[in-house]
């Protein structure tokens, strides 16, 4: 489950070091979960990405959140702590070792009543979901991002935000495919297909952020009943 791209930053080392060590740590159980993951190199979002998502959720105050890729529950816990009493987060993961640890962490954070963990393949689960989500965070199999995109946009309310993590592959996504190891060429092709699908779409407001291994941020501006 180790992610080699965790060690291939896409910004200058001194900038990365400043962002990771000069922004405040998370307090309490959330900080403990982050430290546990970092010590064991479990692929959770890096600190600079976590601080951005924390700021975003504090600003947006989303009440319905969907996450694809739970891991040990760090990012779900980070986002869910911003939910009020009526808010809810749904997260999907297929790996038992991960979601069992996530369940423990949700209890540790006292978030078990605000988080639903769906165990299985997102490809099978996403078509069964309904409802307009304020925020969707996709951090799972990179080769599946573009395949999951239509379902995410179906589930995302007009004006809602879709965050997609790890879109740059340490910067190698921009290299010619012939330079890419065969074992990751599918990821390379699919991420480029994602860019080619999303960036020209005028119904989506998109920006790219050089945080972690790259964040794609999409606002759904498709109209519903004449309103955005």
C-alpha atoms as a PDB file:
ATOM      1  CA  UNK A   1       0.000   0.000   0.000  1.00  0.00           C
ATOM      2  CA  UNK A   2       3.028   2.298   0.038  1.00  0.00           C
ATOM      3  CA  UNK A   3       2.928   5.142  -2.461  1.00  0.00           C
ATOM      4  CA  UNK A   4       6.299   5.940  -4.026  1.00  0.00           C
ATOM      5  CA  UNK A   5       5.021   9.351  -5.137  1.00  0.00           C
ATOM      6  CA  UNK A   6       4.939  10.418  -1.473  1.00  0.00           C
ATOM      7  CA  UNK A   7       8.683  10.888  -1.858  1.00  0.00           C
ATOM      8  CA  UNK A   8       8.583  12.746  -5.188  1.00  0.00           C
ATOM      9  CA  UNK A   9       7.425  16.282  -4.313  1.00  0.00           C
ATOM     10  CA  UNK A  10       6.374  18.580  -7.130  1.00  0.00           C
ATOM     11  CA  UNK A  11       7.534  21.797  -5.457  1.00  0.00           C
ATOM     12  CA  UNK A  12      10.954  22.952  -4.273  1.00  0.00           C
ATOM     13  CA  UNK A  13      12.210  21.035  -1.255  1.00  0.00           C
ATOM     14  CA  UNK A  14      12.530  24.167   0.889  1.00  0.00           C
ATOM     15  CA  UNK A  15       8.975  25.245   0.051  1.00  0.00           C
ATOM     16  CA  UNK A  16       7.637  21.780   0.819  1.00  0.00           C
ATOM     17  CA  UNK A  17       9.570  21.648   4.088  1.00  0.00           C
ATOM     18  CA  UNK A  18       8.144  25.016   5.134  1.00  0.00           C
ATOM     19  CA  UNK A  19       4.563  24.025   4.309  1.00  0.00           C
ATOM     20  CA  UNK A  20       4.852  20.721   6.154  1.00  0.00           C
ATOM     21  CA  UNK A  21       6.632  21.925   9.267  1.00  0.00           C
ATOM     22  CA  UNK A  22       5.628  25.566   9.748  1.00  0.00           C
ATOM     23  CA  UNK A  23       1.875  25.105   9.578  1.00  0.00           C
ATOM     24  CA  UNK A  24       0.336  24.126  12.875  1.00  0.00           C
ATOM     25  CA  UNK A  25      -0.220  20.476  13.735  1.00  0.00           C
ATOM     26  CA  UNK A  26      -3.677  19.050  14.250  1.00  0.00           C
ATOM     27  CA  UNK A  27      -4.636  18.707  17.871  1.00  0.00           C
ATOM     28  CA  UNK A  28      -5.832  15.665  19.777  1.00  0.00           C
ATOM     29  CA  UNK A  29      -6.897  12.401  18.144  1.00  0.00           C
ATOM     30  CA  UNK A  30      -6.711  13.796  14.607  1.00  0.00           C
ATOM     31  CA  UNK A  31      -3.050  14.683  15.070  1.00  0.00           C
ATOM     32  CA  UNK A  32      -2.409  11.222  16.494  1.00  0.00           C
ATOM     33  CA  UNK A  33      -3.976   9.566  13.438  1.00  0.00           C
ATOM     34  CA  UNK A  34      -1.861  11.692  11.106  1.00  0.00           C
ATOM     35  CA  UNK A  35       1.318  10.899  13.051  1.00  0.00           C
ATOM     36  CA  UNK A  36       0.503   7.171  13.069  1.00  0.00           C
ATOM     37  CA  UNK A  37       0.098   7.197   9.269  1.00  0.00           C
ATOM     38  CA  UNK A  38       3.246   9.212   8.646  1.00  0.00           C
ATOM     39  CA  UNK A  39       5.384   7.021  10.900  1.00  0.00           C
ATOM     40  CA  UNK A  40       4.272   3.913   8.979  1.00  0.00           C
ATOM     41  CA  UNK A  41       4.173   5.572   5.545  1.00  0.00           C
ATOM     42  CA  UNK A  42       0.480   4.788   5.161  1.00  0.00           C
ATOM     43  CA  UNK A  43      -0.619   6.846   2.135  1.00  0.00           C
ATOM     44  CA  UNK A  44      -2.795   9.548   3.655  1.00  0.00           C
ATOM     45  CA  UNK A  45      -2.904  13.113   2.386  1.00  0.00           C
ATOM     46  CA  UNK A  46       0.244  15.074   3.320  1.00  0.00           C
ATOM     47  CA  UNK A  47       0.096  17.860   5.874  1.00  0.00           C
ATOM     48  CA  UNK A  48       0.015  20.728   3.370  1.00  0.00           C
ATOM     49  CA  UNK A  49      -2.978  19.164   1.578  1.00  0.00           C
ATOM     50  CA  UNK A  50      -4.672  18.417   4.890  1.00  0.00           C
ATOM     51  CA  UNK A  51      -4.324  22.043   5.996  1.00  0.00           C
ATOM     52  CA  UNK A  52      -5.869  23.229   2.740  1.00  0.00           C
ATOM     53  CA  UNK A  53      -8.814  20.820   3.021  1.00  0.00           C
ATOM     54  CA  UNK A  54      -9.295  21.805   6.659  1.00  0.00           C
ATOM     55  CA  UNK A  55      -9.422  25.477   5.635  1.00  0.00           C
ATOM     56  CA  UNK A  56     -11.761  24.703   2.736  1.00  0.00           C
ATOM     57  CA  UNK A  57     -14.205  22.762   4.906  1.00  0.00           C
ATOM     58  CA  UNK A  58     -14.143  25.433   7.604  1.00  0.00           C
ATOM     59  CA  UNK A  59     -15.025  28.001   4.930  1.00  0.00           C
ATOM     60  CA  UNK A  60     -17.615  25.989   2.979  1.00  0.00           C
ATOM     61  CA  UNK A  61     -19.247  24.232   5.945  1.00  0.00           C
ATOM     62  CA  UNK A  62     -20.382  21.300   3.747  1.00  0.00           C
ATOM     63  CA  UNK A  63     -23.169  19.184   5.196  1.00  0.00           C
ATOM     64  CA  UNK A  64     -23.050  16.246   2.798  1.00  0.00           C
ATOM     65  CA  UNK A  65     -19.631  14.819   1.950  1.00  0.00           C
ATOM     66  CA  UNK A  66     -18.637  11.793  -0.113  1.00  0.00           C
ATOM     67  CA  UNK A  67     -15.129  10.342   0.006  1.00  0.00           C
ATOM     68  CA  UNK A  68     -13.759   7.700  -2.356  1.00  0.00           C
ATOM     69  CA  UNK A  69     -10.765   6.063  -0.675  1.00  0.00           C
ATOM     70  CA  UNK A  70     -10.920   5.895   3.121  1.00  0.00           C
ATOM     71  CA  UNK A  71      -7.486   4.469   4.005  1.00  0.00           C
ATOM     72  CA  UNK A  72      -7.316   4.651   7.819  1.00  0.00           C
ATOM     73  CA  UNK A  73      -9.855   7.457   8.060  1.00  0.00           C
ATOM     74  CA  UNK A  74      -7.599  10.491   8.452  1.00  0.00           C
ATOM     75  CA  UNK A  75      -9.071  12.652   5.681  1.00  0.00           C
ATOM     76  CA  UNK A  76     -12.639  11.552   6.499  1.00  0.00           C
ATOM     77  CA  UNK A  77     -12.099  12.529  10.142  1.00  0.00           C
ATOM     78  CA  UNK A  78     -10.539  15.823   9.067  1.00  0.00           C
ATOM     79  CA  UNK A  79     -13.570  16.731   6.948  1.00  0.00           C
ATOM     80  CA  UNK A  80     -16.246  15.289   9.245  1.00  0.00           C
ATOM     81  CA  UNK A  81     -15.149  17.399  12.203  1.00  0.00           C
ATOM     82  CA  UNK A  82     -16.602  20.378  10.322  1.00  0.00           C
ATOM     83  CA  UNK A  83     -20.081  18.829  10.056  1.00  0.00           C
ATOM     84  CA  UNK A  84     -22.794  20.149  12.318  1.00  0.00           C
ATOM     85  CA  UNK A  85     -25.311  17.870  14.038  1.00  0.00           C
ATOM     86  CA  UNK A  86     -27.281  17.234  10.846  1.00  0.00           C
ATOM     87  CA  UNK A  87     -24.343  16.714   8.517  1.00  0.00           C
ATOM     88  CA  UNK A  88     -23.050  13.381   7.271  1.00  0.00           C
ATOM     89  CA  UNK A  89     -20.032  11.939   5.487  1.00  0.00           C
ATOM     90  CA  UNK A  90     -20.039   8.743   3.427  1.00  0.00           C
ATOM     91  CA  UNK A  91     -16.726   7.090   2.614  1.00  0.00           C
ATOM     92  CA  UNK A  92     -15.890   4.082   0.421  1.00  0.00           C
ATOM     93  CA  UNK A  93     -12.978   1.648   0.632  1.00  0.00           C
ATOM     94  CA  UNK A  94     -12.324  -1.902  -0.567  1.00  0.00           C
ATOM     95  CA  UNK A  95      -9.358  -2.879   1.642  1.00  0.00           C
ATOM     96  CA  UNK A  96     -10.315  -4.591   4.940  1.00  0.00           C
ATOM     97  CA  UNK A  97      -7.043  -3.716   6.704  1.00  0.00           C
ATOM     98  CA  UNK A  98      -7.676  -0.064   5.958  1.00  0.00           C
ATOM     99  CA  UNK A  99     -11.366   0.235   6.732  1.00  0.00           C
ATOM    100  CA  UNK A 100     -11.106  -1.755   9.963  1.00  0.00           C
ATOM    101  CA  UNK A 101      -8.504   0.717  11.212  1.00  0.00           C
ATOM    102  CA  UNK A 102     -10.680   3.572   9.936  1.00  0.00           C
ATOM    103  CA  UNK A 103     -13.628   2.330  11.987  1.00  0.00           C
ATOM    104  CA  UNK A 104     -11.455   2.396  15.099  1.00  0.00           C
ATOM    105  CA  UNK A 105     -10.316   5.919  14.297  1.00  0.00           C
ATOM    106  CA  UNK A 106     -13.870   7.166  13.767  1.00  0.00           C
ATOM    107  CA  UNK A 107     -14.737   5.917  17.254  1.00  0.00           C
ATOM    108  CA  UNK A 108     -11.575   7.535  18.589  1.00  0.00           C
ATOM    109  CA  UNK A 109     -12.710  10.831  17.038  1.00  0.00           C
ATOM    110  CA  UNK A 110     -16.309  10.292  18.283  1.00  0.00           C
ATOM    111  CA  UNK A 111     -17.480  10.600  14.677  1.00  0.00           C
ATOM    112  CA  UNK A 112     -19.008   7.153  14.214  1.00  0.00           C
ATOM    113  CA  UNK A 113     -22.554   8.562  14.081  1.00  0.00           C
ATOM    114  CA  UNK A 114     -21.652  11.121  11.415  1.00  0.00           C
ATOM    115  CA  UNK A 115     -19.697   8.798   9.117  1.00  0.00           C
ATOM    116  CA  UNK A 116     -20.950   5.857   7.073  1.00  0.00           C
ATOM    117  CA  UNK A 117     -18.243   3.543   5.758  1.00  0.00           C
ATOM    118  CA  UNK A 118     -19.254   1.542   2.684  1.00  0.00           C
ATOM    119  CA  UNK A 119     -17.081  -1.527   2.193  1.00  0.00           C
ATOM    120  CA  UNK A 120     -16.461  -2.516  -1.405  1.00  0.00           C
ATOM    121  CA  UNK A 121     -15.392  -1.319  -4.840  1.00  0.00           C
ATOM    122  CA  UNK A 122     -16.387   2.259  -5.643  1.00  0.00           C
ATOM    123  CA  UNK A 123     -17.114   1.177  -9.211  1.00  0.00           C
ATOM    124  CA  UNK A 124     -19.974  -0.964  -7.867  1.00  0.00           C
ATOM    125  CA  UNK A 125     -21.085   1.355  -5.059  1.00  0.00           C
ATOM    126  CA  UNK A 126     -21.186   4.766  -6.759  1.00  0.00           C
ATOM    127  CA  UNK A 127     -24.095   3.909  -9.124  1.00  0.00           C
ATOM    128  CA  UNK A 128     -26.188   2.891  -6.099  1.00  0.00           C
ATOM    129  CA  UNK A 129     -25.849   6.268  -4.363  1.00  0.00           C
ATOM    130  CA  UNK A 130     -28.195   9.214  -4.688  1.00  0.00           C
ATOM    131  CA  UNK A 131     -28.423  12.718  -3.353  1.00  0.00           C
ATOM    132  CA  UNK A 132     -26.644  16.013  -3.926  1.00  0.00           C
ATOM    133  CA  UNK A 133     -23.274  16.180  -2.181  1.00  0.00           C
ATOM    134  CA  UNK A 134     -21.750  19.507  -1.222  1.00  0.00           C
ATOM    135  CA  UNK A 135     -18.219  18.088  -1.390  1.00  0.00           C
ATOM    136  CA  UNK A 136     -16.708  14.962  -2.923  1.00  0.00           C
ATOM    137  CA  UNK A 137     -13.109  13.952  -2.245  1.00  0.00           C
ATOM    138  CA  UNK A 138     -11.602  11.342  -4.556  1.00  0.00           C
ATOM    139  CA  UNK A 139      -8.358   9.764  -3.357  1.00  0.00           C
ATOM    140  CA  UNK A 140      -8.311   6.194  -4.617  1.00  0.00           C
ATOM    141  CA  UNK A 141      -7.055   4.242  -7.636  1.00  0.00           C
ATOM    142  CA  UNK A 142      -5.612   6.881  -9.963  1.00  0.00           C
ATOM    143  CA  UNK A 143      -6.404   4.855 -13.093  1.00  0.00           C
ATOM    144  CA  UNK A 144     -10.100   4.913 -12.120  1.00  0.00           C
ATOM    145  CA  UNK A 145     -10.469   8.659 -11.611  1.00  0.00           C
ATOM    146  CA  UNK A 146     -11.761   9.406 -15.103  1.00  0.00           C
ATOM    147  CA  UNK A 147     -14.066   6.373 -14.928  1.00  0.00           C
ATOM    148  CA  UNK A 148     -15.527   7.545 -11.609  1.00  0.00           C
ATOM    149  CA  UNK A 149     -15.895  11.148 -12.835  1.00  0.00           C
ATOM    150  CA  UNK A 150     -19.372  10.838 -14.430  1.00  0.00           C
ATOM    151  CA  UNK A 151     -20.817   9.320 -11.266  1.00  0.00           C
ATOM    152  CA  UNK A 152     -19.159  11.965  -9.109  1.00  0.00           C
ATOM    153  CA  UNK A 153     -20.614  14.748 -11.249  1.00  0.00           C
ATOM    154  CA  UNK A 154     -24.035  13.079 -11.107  1.00  0.00           C
ATOM    155  CA  UNK A 155     -23.855  13.046  -7.314  1.00  0.00           C
ATOM    156  CA  UNK A 156     -22.368  16.529  -6.932  1.00  0.00           C
ATOM    157  CA  UNK A 157     -24.902  19.299  -6.417  1.00  0.00           C
ATOM    158  CA  UNK A 158     -24.766  22.399  -8.641  1.00  0.00           C
ATOM    159  CA  UNK A 159     -22.160  24.630  -7.040  1.00  0.00           C
ATOM    160  CA  UNK A 160     -20.647  21.656  -5.218  1.00  0.00           C
ATOM    161  CA  UNK A 161     -16.927  20.928  -5.213  1.00  0.00           C
ATOM    162  CA  UNK A 162     -15.055  17.819  -6.306  1.00  0.00           C
ATOM    163  CA  UNK A 163     -11.472  17.444  -5.069  1.00  0.00           C
ATOM    164  CA  UNK A 164      -9.253  14.888  -6.792  1.00  0.00           C
ATOM    165  CA  UNK A 165      -5.944  14.034  -5.121  1.00  0.00           C
ATOM    166  CA  UNK A 166      -2.610  12.897  -6.597  1.00  0.00           C
ATOM    167  CA  UNK A 167      -3.120  13.971 -10.201  1.00  0.00           C
ATOM    168  CA  UNK A 168       0.507  14.795 -11.084  1.00  0.00           C
ATOM    169  CA  UNK A 169       2.301  11.509 -10.309  1.00  0.00           C
ATOM    170  CA  UNK A 170       5.416  13.328  -9.148  1.00  0.00           C
ATOM    171  CA  UNK A 171       5.333  15.398 -12.353  1.00  0.00           C
ATOM    172  CA  UNK A 172       5.695  12.312 -14.566  1.00  0.00           C
ATOM    173  CA  UNK A 173       2.146  12.719 -15.887  1.00  0.00           C
ATOM    174  CA  UNK A 174       3.566  15.310 -18.302  1.00  0.00           C
ATOM    175  CA  UNK A 175       6.250  12.977 -19.695  1.00  0.00           C
ATOM    176  CA  UNK A 176       5.955  11.048 -22.925  1.00  0.00           C
ATOM    177  CA  UNK A 177       4.415   7.631 -22.322  1.00  0.00           C
ATOM    178  CA  UNK A 178       7.536   5.934 -23.700  1.00  0.00           C
ATOM    179  CA  UNK A 179       9.425   7.236 -20.648  1.00  0.00           C
ATOM    180  CA  UNK A 180       6.909   5.782 -18.202  1.00  0.00           C
ATOM    181  CA  UNK A 181       7.494   2.309 -16.665  1.00  0.00           C
ATOM    182  CA  UNK A 182       5.055  -0.193 -18.156  1.00  0.00           C
ATOM    183  CA  UNK A 183       3.560  -1.019 -14.752  1.00  0.00           C
ATOM    184  CA  UNK A 184       2.197   2.531 -14.366  1.00  0.00           C
ATOM    185  CA  UNK A 185       1.412   3.421 -17.986  1.00  0.00           C
ATOM    186  CA  UNK A 186      -2.297   2.869 -17.461  1.00  0.00           C
ATOM    187  CA  UNK A 187      -2.266   5.427 -14.629  1.00  0.00           C
ATOM    188  CA  UNK A 188      -0.350   7.820 -16.882  1.00  0.00           C
ATOM    189  CA  UNK A 189      -2.872   7.441 -19.725  1.00  0.00           C
ATOM    190  CA  UNK A 190      -5.915   7.693 -17.486  1.00  0.00           C
ATOM    191  CA  UNK A 191      -4.708  10.806 -15.654  1.00  0.00           C
ATOM    192  CA  UNK A 192      -4.035  12.501 -18.984  1.00  0.00           C
ATOM    193  CA  UNK A 193      -7.511  11.464 -20.094  1.00  0.00           C
ATOM    194  CA  UNK A 194      -8.842  13.092 -16.929  1.00  0.00           C
ATOM    195  CA  UNK A 195      -7.128  16.385 -17.800  1.00  0.00           C
ATOM    196  CA  UNK A 196      -8.383  16.184 -21.390  1.00  0.00           C
ATOM    197  CA  UNK A 197     -11.933  15.566 -20.174  1.00  0.00           C
ATOM    198  CA  UNK A 198     -12.177  18.133 -17.391  1.00  0.00           C
ATOM    199  CA  UNK A 199     -10.077  21.134 -18.358  1.00  0.00           C
ATOM    200  CA  UNK A 200     -11.933  22.053 -21.607  1.00  0.00           C
ATOM    201  CA  UNK A 201     -15.399  21.545 -20.054  1.00  0.00           C
ATOM    202  CA  UNK A 202     -17.026  24.974 -19.720  1.00  0.00           C
ATOM    203  CA  UNK A 203     -19.657  23.590 -17.326  1.00  0.00           C
ATOM    204  CA  UNK A 204     -16.932  22.925 -14.772  1.00  0.00           C
ATOM    205  CA  UNK A 205     -14.805  25.588 -13.095  1.00  0.00           C
ATOM    206  CA  UNK A 206     -11.440  23.928 -12.513  1.00  0.00           C
ATOM    207  CA  UNK A 207      -8.114  24.770 -10.913  1.00  0.00           C
ATOM    208  CA  UNK A 208      -4.971  22.789 -10.193  1.00  0.00           C
ATOM    209  CA  UNK A 209      -3.043  23.150  -6.944  1.00  0.00           C
ATOM    210  CA  UNK A 210       0.585  22.038  -6.401  1.00  0.00           C
ATOM    211  CA  UNK A 211      -0.140  20.540  -2.983  1.00  0.00           C
ATOM    212  CA  UNK A 212       1.065  17.035  -2.171  1.00  0.00           C
ATOM    213  CA  UNK A 213       1.168  15.220  -5.503  1.00  0.00           C
ATOM    214  CA  UNK A 214      -1.296  17.657  -7.032  1.00  0.00           C
ATOM    215  CA  UNK A 215      -4.934  18.509  -6.312  1.00  0.00           C
ATOM    216  CA  UNK A 216      -7.558  19.064  -8.997  1.00  0.00           C
ATOM    217  CA  UNK A 217     -10.406  21.224  -7.731  1.00  0.00           C
ATOM    218  CA  UNK A 218     -13.660  21.230  -9.707  1.00  0.00           C
ATOM    219  CA  UNK A 219     -16.781  23.328  -9.068  1.00  0.00           C
ATOM    220  CA  UNK A 220     -19.925  21.987 -10.691  1.00  0.00           C
ATOM    221  CA  UNK A 221     -21.442  24.881 -12.606  1.00  0.00           C
ATOM    222  CA  UNK A 222     -23.930  22.813 -14.547  1.00  0.00           C
ATOM    223  CA  UNK A 223     -27.374  24.393 -14.283  1.00  0.00           C
ATOM    224  CA  UNK A 224     -30.377  22.895 -12.566  1.00  0.00           C
ATOM    225  CA  UNK A 225     -33.785  24.539 -13.057  1.00  0.00           C
ATOM    226  CA  UNK A 226     -32.065  27.597 -14.505  1.00  0.00           C
ATOM    227  CA  UNK A 227     -29.922  28.164 -11.431  1.00  0.00           C
ATOM    228  CA  UNK A 228     -26.321  27.353 -10.680  1.00  0.00           C
END
